């Protein structure tokens, strides 16, 4: 699994010009699932994301986790994170998991974050979405599951 984590002051997802999810301060997570990813990958990443210290302490240092700030997560599926652009001009998505497997691991990741006590909003799996965000910092991190 591959994540792009962006600290945001707000983020929103729309489908067909209707807002389906939005958050205030917190993190927007773009999540891609690769062939061969497992439930253990989803669980490990959820725990790791939950503990990330990417929020300012009173001295302005990145020393607090999202739980300490009262922030929320907005998790959006994005298979294009596994687009391979090394040959030709059209990305190959052969590394991306098939939609059924990806949906199950996406849902599990969200479930694990919620089980850790976080407020989590989501996009709509396999829909064309408009994603808006105000990146705070900017702080943007890339993360992959332990097996990659």
Protein backbone atom coordinates (compact mmCIF):
# COMPACT_ATOMS: atom_id res chain seq x y z
CA UNK A 1 0.00 0.00 0.00
CA UNK A 2 1.11 3.51 -0.70
CA UNK A 3 -0.08 6.68 1.02
CA UNK A 4 0.28 10.38 0.34
CA UNK A 5 -0.44 12.16 3.63
CA UNK A 6 -1.11 15.87 3.52
CA UNK A 7 -1.63 17.95 6.64
CA UNK A 8 -4.60 20.20 5.91
CA UNK A 9 -6.50 23.04 7.49
CA UNK A 10 -9.53 21.74 5.56
CA UNK A 11 -10.36 19.26 2.80
CA UNK A 12 -13.42 18.26 0.82
CA UNK A 13 -14.47 15.51 -1.60
CA UNK A 14 -17.24 15.98 -4.12
CA UNK A 15 -18.94 13.64 -6.57
CA UNK A 16 -21.06 15.08 -9.36
CA UNK A 17 -20.85 18.56 -7.82
CA UNK A 18 -22.17 17.36 -4.43
CA UNK A 19 -20.05 17.32 -1.29
CA UNK A 20 -19.78 13.76 0.04
CA UNK A 21 -17.18 14.34 2.79
CA UNK A 22 -15.28 17.18 4.36
CA UNK A 23 -13.04 17.83 7.32
CA UNK A 24 -11.50 20.78 9.10
CA UNK A 25 -7.95 20.54 10.44
CA UNK A 26 -6.35 17.13 10.07
CA UNK A 27 -4.97 15.03 7.23
CA UNK A 28 -6.01 14.12 3.72
CA UNK A 29 -4.75 10.65 2.86
CA UNK A 30 -4.59 9.42 -0.72
CA UNK A 31 -4.41 5.62 -0.53
CA UNK A 32 -3.34 3.19 -3.24
CA UNK A 33 -3.42 -0.59 -2.94
CA UNK A 34 -0.97 -2.80 -4.82
CA UNK A 35 -1.26 -6.41 -5.93
CA UNK A 36 -0.10 -8.59 -3.06
CA UNK A 37 -0.98 -6.13 -0.28
CA UNK A 38 -2.52 -7.79 2.77
CA UNK A 39 -4.67 -6.90 5.77
CA UNK A 40 -1.44 -6.71 7.78
CA UNK A 41 -0.29 -3.86 5.51
CA UNK A 42 -3.52 -1.93 6.15
CA UNK A 43 -3.32 -2.48 9.89
CA UNK A 44 0.36 -1.50 10.12
CA UNK A 45 -0.15 1.67 8.07
CA UNK A 46 -3.20 2.73 10.11
CA UNK A 47 -1.20 2.41 13.32
CA UNK A 48 1.77 4.24 11.88
CA UNK A 49 -0.36 7.09 10.51
CA UNK A 50 -2.17 7.39 13.84
CA UNK A 51 1.12 7.91 15.66
CA UNK A 52 2.73 10.32 13.17
CA UNK A 53 3.91 13.49 14.86
CA UNK A 54 3.29 16.00 12.09
CA UNK A 55 1.36 18.66 14.01
CA UNK A 56 2.83 21.67 15.77
CA UNK A 57 3.46 21.76 19.50
CA UNK A 58 3.31 25.14 21.31
CA UNK A 59 6.90 25.88 20.16
CA UNK A 60 6.01 25.30 16.50
CA UNK A 61 7.81 21.95 16.24
CA UNK A 62 6.28 18.92 14.56
CA UNK A 63 5.82 17.02 17.78
CA UNK A 64 2.09 16.16 18.12
CA UNK A 65 -0.01 13.39 16.63
CA UNK A 66 -3.47 13.99 15.22
CA UNK A 67 -5.05 12.68 18.42
CA UNK A 68 -3.39 15.49 20.37
CA UNK A 69 -4.81 18.12 18.03
CA UNK A 70 -8.38 16.84 17.73
CA UNK A 71 -8.04 16.63 13.95
CA UNK A 72 -9.77 14.31 11.49
CA UNK A 73 -8.78 12.18 8.53
CA UNK A 74 -10.20 12.24 5.02
CA UNK A 75 -9.17 9.05 3.20
CA UNK A 76 -9.50 8.90 -0.60
CA UNK A 77 -8.72 5.86 -2.73
CA UNK A 78 -6.28 6.51 -5.58
CA UNK A 79 -5.07 3.58 -7.69
CA UNK A 80 -2.98 5.97 -9.79
CA UNK A 81 -0.38 6.01 -7.01
CA UNK A 82 0.77 2.76 -8.58
CA UNK A 83 1.05 4.18 -12.08
CA UNK A 84 4.36 3.20 -13.67
CA UNK A 85 5.63 5.94 -15.99
CA UNK A 86 9.01 4.33 -16.78
CA UNK A 87 8.08 3.27 -20.33
CA UNK A 88 6.19 5.25 -22.91
CA UNK A 89 3.89 8.14 -22.18
CA UNK A 90 0.84 6.31 -20.84
CA UNK A 91 1.20 5.05 -17.26
CA UNK A 92 0.80 1.34 -16.64
CA UNK A 93 -1.36 0.36 -13.68
CA UNK A 94 -0.39 -3.32 -13.64
CA UNK A 95 0.93 -2.97 -10.06
CA UNK A 96 -2.42 -1.71 -8.74
CA UNK A 97 -4.66 -4.24 -7.03
CA UNK A 98 -7.89 -5.30 -8.69
CA UNK A 99 -10.84 -3.21 -7.51
CA UNK A 100 -12.41 -5.82 -5.21
CA UNK A 101 -9.16 -6.46 -3.33
CA UNK A 102 -8.38 -2.74 -3.21
CA UNK A 103 -11.83 -1.88 -1.83
CA UNK A 104 -11.50 -4.44 0.95
CA UNK A 105 -8.09 -3.13 2.06
CA UNK A 106 -9.20 0.51 1.73
CA UNK A 107 -12.20 -0.24 3.96
CA UNK A 108 -9.98 -2.11 6.44
CA UNK A 109 -7.54 0.81 6.66
CA UNK A 110 -10.43 3.18 7.41
CA UNK A 111 -11.89 0.75 9.95
CA UNK A 112 -8.54 0.42 11.74
CA UNK A 113 -8.13 4.21 11.98
CA UNK A 114 -11.64 4.48 13.43
CA UNK A 115 -10.90 1.65 15.89
CA UNK A 116 -7.94 3.72 17.12
CA UNK A 117 -10.44 6.42 18.09
CA UNK A 118 -10.10 8.78 15.12
CA UNK A 119 -12.76 10.63 13.18
CA UNK A 120 -12.45 9.41 9.61
CA UNK A 121 -14.34 10.59 6.55
CA UNK A 122 -13.98 8.98 3.14
CA UNK A 123 -14.28 9.53 -0.56
CA UNK A 124 -16.39 7.22 -2.74
CA UNK A 125 -14.49 4.19 -3.98
CA UNK A 126 -14.29 3.90 -7.82
CA UNK A 127 -16.01 7.23 -8.41
CA UNK A 128 -14.63 10.25 -10.20
CA UNK A 129 -14.05 12.69 -7.33
CA UNK A 130 -13.20 16.34 -7.00
CA UNK A 131 -10.75 16.66 -4.11
CA UNK A 132 -10.10 20.08 -2.63
CA UNK A 133 -7.65 20.83 0.13
CA UNK A 134 -5.80 23.59 1.84
CA UNK A 135 -2.39 22.12 2.60
CA UNK A 136 -1.19 23.30 6.02
CA UNK A 137 2.54 24.01 6.10
CA UNK A 138 2.76 22.53 3.56
CA UNK A 139 3.39 19.17 5.17
CA UNK A 140 3.22 16.23 2.74
CA UNK A 141 4.59 12.76 3.42
CA UNK A 142 4.84 9.56 1.40
CA UNK A 143 4.47 6.23 3.16
CA UNK A 144 4.49 2.63 2.00
CA UNK A 145 3.61 -0.55 3.82
CA UNK A 146 6.43 -2.46 5.47
CA UNK A 147 6.67 -5.10 2.73
CA UNK A 148 7.62 -2.61 -0.02
